[in-house]
Amino acid sequence: MIKGKIENTFASLENISKSFGKINALNNVNIDIEKNKITAIVGDNGSGKSTLIKILSGSLKPDSGNIYIDGENYKYLTPKLAHEKGISTVYQDLSLDNYRDVSGNIFLGRELTKYGFILDYERMEDETETLLKDLDIHIPYFKTPVGYLSGGQRQSVAIARAIFQGKNLIIFDEPTAAMGVKETKATNELIKSLPDRGFTVLVISHDMHQVLHLADRIFIMEHGEIIDNVSKTNITVMDLMERISNGS
């Protein structure tokens, strides 16, 4: 591993390329994700956004390029390495177990035990209650299977799990898709609070109003390439939509 030289940046993707057969999903992509800030990636379907976050989460290996995580250089990440580096992803489908309760989902795969082999339900429930309170997440009956919760409550559980398991960078893939107005607002405010809690955030979204509300910097993708990056302070929703539709 080689020390990176970019300061105030948790993660950087440098000249990342990825092909699937004859399809070039990513072509020399460069992105810097600033520490304790919210970065957004926008673009039409097929622009390469999903491929990019799968590479950053360790689900896919790039064909070429470099990945810098907290100053360390890697050719690729694995899911285990991404977890060790404090990277977690909240996918659009949330990947929750509908038959488990809130604490069962937050500790899924990382259950606490006592005496070395007995699941410590009481401790997991106590830590879940503390976590939800710290995040100002209100779920009246957190012992209810999450399949019975509302869309916003389920999203909050997925975010809480990502915070509990991720520690540093949290990636959101369409975080408020198919949500109502009230649930969208609550989820957006929770995401917006994360940098003040010490987290770095990357958001993939088709909702330009959400992007401008949340993000500090926005990268625009088209056909596997970054065609622009802008600060939210010098762009409007209409400008952003126009750049995406025009590809410039």
Protein backbone atom coordinates (compact mmCIF):
# COMPACT_ATOMS: atom_id res chain seq x y z
CA MET A 1 0.00 0.00 0.00
CA ILE A 2 1.21 3.50 -0.87
CA LYS A 3 0.35 6.56 1.15
CA GLY A 4 -2.11 8.83 -0.62
CA LYS A 5 -1.48 12.58 -0.72
CA ILE A 6 -5.00 13.99 -0.73
CA GLU A 7 -5.88 15.73 2.52
CA ASN A 8 -9.38 16.12 4.02
CA THR A 9 -10.58 13.28 1.80
CA PHE A 10 -11.78 9.96 3.15
CA ALA A 11 -12.00 8.16 -0.19
CA SER A 12 -10.73 8.86 -3.71
CA LEU A 13 -11.31 6.90 -6.90
CA GLU A 14 -8.55 7.47 -9.43
CA ASN A 15 -8.88 6.48 -13.11
CA ILE A 16 -11.33 3.69 -12.29
CA SER A 17 -12.47 1.65 -15.30
CA LYS A 18 -14.79 -1.34 -15.47
CA SER A 19 -16.16 -3.29 -18.43
CA PHE A 20 -18.68 -6.09 -18.72
CA GLY A 21 -17.84 -7.78 -21.99
CA LYS A 22 -18.10 -5.09 -24.66
CA ILE A 23 -19.94 -2.68 -22.37
CA ASN A 24 -17.75 0.00 -20.77
CA ALA A 25 -19.54 0.68 -17.50
CA LEU A 26 -16.85 3.03 -16.16
CA ASN A 27 -14.13 4.86 -18.06
CA ASN A 28 -11.31 6.55 -16.10
CA VAL A 29 -13.57 7.84 -13.33
CA ASN A 30 -12.09 10.23 -10.76
CA ILE A 31 -13.99 11.17 -7.60
CA ASP A 32 -12.93 12.61 -4.26
CA ILE A 33 -15.21 12.06 -1.25
CA GLU A 34 -14.46 14.68 1.37
CA LYS A 35 -14.40 13.76 5.05
CA ASN A 36 -17.44 14.68 7.12
CA LYS A 37 -19.27 16.01 4.06
CA ILE A 38 -22.10 14.72 1.87
CA THR A 39 -21.13 13.93 -1.73
CA ALA A 40 -23.73 13.05 -4.34
CA ILE A 41 -23.48 11.25 -7.68
CA VAL A 42 -26.26 11.87 -10.20
CA GLY A 43 -26.96 10.72 -13.73
CA ASP A 44 -29.46 8.83 -15.85
CA ASN A 45 -29.94 5.07 -15.62
CA GLY A 46 -26.95 3.30 -17.11
CA SER A 47 -24.55 6.15 -16.36
CA GLY A 48 -22.39 3.94 -14.10
CA LYS A 49 -23.48 5.09 -10.64
CA SER A 50 -24.38 1.63 -9.32
CA THR A 51 -21.18 0.08 -10.68
CA LEU A 52 -19.19 2.77 -8.94
CA ILE A 53 -20.70 2.22 -5.50
CA LYS A 54 -20.34 -1.55 -5.86
CA ILE A 55 -16.62 -1.04 -6.45
CA LEU A 56 -16.37 1.24 -3.43
CA SER A 57 -18.28 -1.23 -1.25
CA GLY A 58 -16.09 -4.13 -2.40
CA SER A 59 -18.77 -5.99 -4.36
CA LEU A 60 -16.98 -5.49 -7.70
CA LYS A 61 -13.34 -5.30 -8.71
CA PRO A 62 -12.33 -2.52 -11.12
CA ASP A 63 -10.37 -3.45 -14.23
CA SER A 64 -7.90 -0.64 -13.60
CA GLY A 65 -7.29 2.39 -11.44
CA ASN A 66 -6.63 3.08 -7.79
CA ILE A 67 -8.79 3.40 -4.70
CA TYR A 68 -7.58 5.57 -1.81
CA ILE A 69 -9.22 4.98 1.55
CA ASP A 70 -8.10 7.31 4.31
CA GLY A 71 -4.79 7.84 2.53
CA GLU A 72 -4.03 4.19 1.75
CA ASN A 73 -3.89 2.94 -1.84
CA TYR A 74 -5.69 -0.23 -2.98
CA LYS A 75 -6.22 -1.75 -6.41
CA TYR A 76 -9.57 -3.08 -5.24
CA LEU A 77 -11.60 -3.65 -2.10
CA THR A 78 -13.35 -6.75 -0.81
CA PRO A 79 -16.52 -6.61 1.31
CA LYS A 80 -14.43 -7.59 4.34
CA LEU A 81 -11.83 -4.90 3.68
CA ALA A 82 -14.52 -2.29 3.06
CA HIS A 83 -16.07 -3.21 6.41
CA GLU A 84 -12.69 -2.98 8.13
CA LYS A 85 -12.26 0.49 6.65
CA GLY A 86 -15.63 1.51 8.04
CA ILE A 87 -17.58 1.56 4.76
CA SER A 88 -21.21 0.46 4.75
CA THR A 89 -23.93 0.70 2.10
CA VAL A 90 -27.68 1.18 2.40
CA TYR A 91 -29.06 -0.25 -0.84
CA GLN A 92 -32.43 0.68 -2.29
CA ASP A 93 -33.92 -2.69 -1.26
CA LEU A 94 -32.53 -2.10 2.29
CA SER A 95 -31.52 -5.80 2.64
CA LEU A 96 -33.43 -6.17 5.89
CA ASP A 97 -34.66 -9.46 7.34
CA ASN A 98 -38.42 -8.86 7.58
CA TYR A 99 -38.85 -11.61 10.17
CA ARG A 100 -36.34 -10.18 12.65
CA ASP A 101 -36.94 -7.24 14.94
CA VAL A 102 -34.93 -4.01 14.94
CA SER A 103 -32.05 -5.24 17.10
CA GLY A 104 -31.94 -8.51 15.15
CA ASN A 105 -31.36 -6.51 11.95
CA ILE A 106 -28.87 -4.07 13.40
CA PHE A 107 -26.74 -6.92 14.77
CA LEU A 108 -27.37 -9.21 11.79
CA GLY A 109 -24.18 -11.18 11.17
CA ARG A 110 -22.50 -9.57 14.17
CA GLU A 111 -24.62 -10.89 17.01
CA LEU A 112 -23.39 -10.48 20.59
CA THR A 113 -22.98 -13.57 22.74
CA LYS A 114 -22.43 -14.42 26.37
CA TYR A 115 -20.53 -17.39 27.72
CA GLY A 116 -19.08 -17.69 24.23
CA PHE A 117 -22.07 -19.29 22.53
CA ILE A 118 -25.42 -17.96 23.85
CA LEU A 119 -26.97 -14.99 22.03
CA ASP A 120 -27.10 -12.00 24.37
CA TYR A 121 -30.53 -10.61 23.40
CA GLU A 122 -30.75 -8.27 26.37
CA ARG A 123 -27.46 -6.53 25.59
CA MET A 124 -28.32 -6.23 21.87
CA GLU A 125 -31.71 -4.72 22.73
CA ASP A 126 -30.12 -2.27 25.18
CA GLU A 127 -27.52 -1.18 22.64
CA THR A 128 -30.21 -0.87 19.96
CA GLU A 129 -32.31 1.34 22.21
CA THR A 130 -29.30 3.56 22.95
CA LEU A 131 -28.38 3.79 19.26
CA LEU A 132 -31.90 4.75 18.18
CA LYS A 133 -32.10 7.37 20.91
CA ASP A 134 -28.73 8.85 19.90
CA LEU A 135 -29.92 9.07 16.28
CA ASP A 136 -33.30 10.50 17.30
CA ILE A 137 -35.05 7.59 15.57
CA HIS A 138 -38.52 6.95 16.93
CA ILE A 139 -39.78 3.38 16.59
CA PRO A 140 -42.38 2.77 19.32
CA TYR A 141 -42.14 -1.03 19.31
CA PHE A 142 -38.65 -1.97 18.22
CA LYS A 143 -39.27 -5.64 19.05
CA THR A 144 -41.76 -5.79 16.17
CA PRO A 145 -40.50 -7.65 13.05
CA VAL A 146 -39.32 -4.96 10.62
CA GLY A 147 -41.61 -6.33 7.91
CA TYR A 148 -44.48 -4.65 9.79
CA LEU A 149 -42.78 -1.23 9.98
CA SER A 150 -43.46 1.69 7.65
CA GLY A 151 -41.11 2.50 4.79
CA GLY A 152 -39.54 5.37 6.68
CA GLN A 153 -39.05 3.28 9.82
CA ARG A 154 -37.46 0.51 7.79
CA GLN A 155 -35.12 3.02 6.15
CA SER A 156 -34.21 4.34 9.60
CA VAL A 157 -33.37 0.80 10.73
CA ALA A 158 -31.15 0.31 7.67
CA ILE A 159 -29.40 3.62 8.37
CA ALA A 160 -28.94 2.73 12.05
CA ARG A 161 -27.41 -0.60 11.03
CA ALA A 162 -25.07 1.13 8.56
CA ILE A 163 -23.97 3.56 11.27
CA PHE A 164 -23.48 0.75 13.78
CA GLN A 165 -21.53 -1.45 11.37
CA GLY A 166 -19.87 1.14 9.12
CA LYS A 167 -18.27 3.75 11.39
CA ASN A 168 -16.76 6.01 8.66
CA LEU A 169 -18.35 6.17 5.18
CA ILE A 170 -22.03 5.47 4.58
CA ILE A 171 -23.23 5.03 0.99
CA PHE A 172 -26.92 5.54 0.17
CA ASP A 173 -28.49 4.17 -3.01
CA GLU A 174 -31.75 6.07 -3.66
CA PRO A 175 -32.43 6.54 0.06
CA THR A 176 -36.03 7.78 -0.19
CA ALA A 177 -37.39 5.93 -3.21
CA ALA A 178 -41.13 5.19 -2.92
CA MET A 179 -41.45 7.08 0.39
CA GLY A 180 -44.15 9.54 1.36
CA VAL A 181 -43.47 13.23 1.98
CA LYS A 182 -43.26 12.97 5.77
CA GLU A 183 -41.01 9.89 5.73
CA THR A 184 -38.78 11.44 3.06
CA LYS A 185 -38.31 14.56 5.16
CA ALA A 186 -37.41 12.55 8.26
CA THR A 187 -34.94 10.37 6.35
CA ASN A 188 -33.32 13.38 4.68
CA GLU A 189 -32.84 15.13 8.01
CA LEU A 190 -31.29 11.98 9.49
CA ILE A 191 -28.86 11.72 6.57
CA LYS A 192 -28.08 15.44 6.76
CA SER A 193 -27.16 15.08 10.44
CA LEU A 194 -24.54 12.39 9.82
CA PRO A 195 -21.52 14.63 9.03
CA ASP A 196 -21.99 16.37 12.39
CA ARG A 197 -21.87 12.91 13.95
CA GLY A 198 -18.47 12.26 12.35
CA PHE A 199 -19.57 10.36 9.23
CA THR A 200 -18.72 10.84 5.58
CA VAL A 201 -21.67 10.29 3.24
CA LEU A 202 -22.08 9.36 -0.42
CA VAL A 203 -25.58 9.59 -1.92
CA ILE A 204 -26.85 8.21 -5.24
CA SER A 205 -30.20 9.77 -6.13
CA HIS A 206 -32.50 10.70 -8.99
CA ASP A 207 -34.20 13.31 -6.81
CA MET A 208 -32.48 16.59 -7.67
CA HIS A 209 -34.27 18.49 -4.88
CA GLN A 210 -32.95 15.92 -2.41
CA VAL A 211 -29.44 16.16 -3.85
CA LEU A 212 -29.32 19.95 -3.52
CA HIS A 213 -30.76 19.75 -0.01
CA LEU A 214 -28.23 17.20 1.19
CA ALA A 215 -25.02 17.35 -0.79
CA ASP A 216 -22.02 19.64 -0.45
CA ARG A 217 -20.57 18.52 -3.80
CA ILE A 218 -22.26 16.84 -6.75
CA PHE A 219 -20.66 14.67 -9.43
CA ILE A 220 -22.55 14.22 -12.71
CA MET A 221 -22.10 10.97 -14.63
CA GLU A 222 -22.93 9.97 -18.19
CA HIS A 223 -22.00 6.79 -20.08
CA GLY A 224 -19.52 5.72 -17.40
CA GLU A 225 -17.70 9.03 -17.17
CA ILE A 226 -17.71 12.04 -14.86
CA ILE A 227 -18.78 14.96 -17.03
CA ASP A 228 -18.87 17.62 -14.32
CA ASN A 229 -18.68 18.24 -10.59
CA VAL A 230 -20.22 21.23 -8.87
CA SER A 231 -20.86 22.73 -5.47
CA LYS A 232 -24.52 23.06 -4.51
CA THR A 233 -23.93 26.73 -3.78
CA ASN A 234 -23.59 27.60 -7.47
CA ILE A 235 -26.23 25.46 -9.17
CA THR A 236 -30.02 25.18 -9.21
CA VAL A 237 -32.28 22.15 -9.65
CA MET A 238 -33.09 23.23 -13.20
CA ASP A 239 -29.40 23.72 -14.04
CA LEU A 240 -28.58 20.30 -12.64
CA MET A 241 -31.37 18.59 -14.58
CA GLU A 242 -30.30 20.38 -17.76
CA ARG A 243 -26.67 19.28 -17.39
CA ILE A 244 -27.79 15.68 -16.92
CA SER A 245 -30.16 15.74 -19.89
CA ASN A 246 -27.66 17.53 -22.14
CA GLY A 247 -24.66 15.52 -20.97
CA SER A 248 -22.61 18.65 -20.33
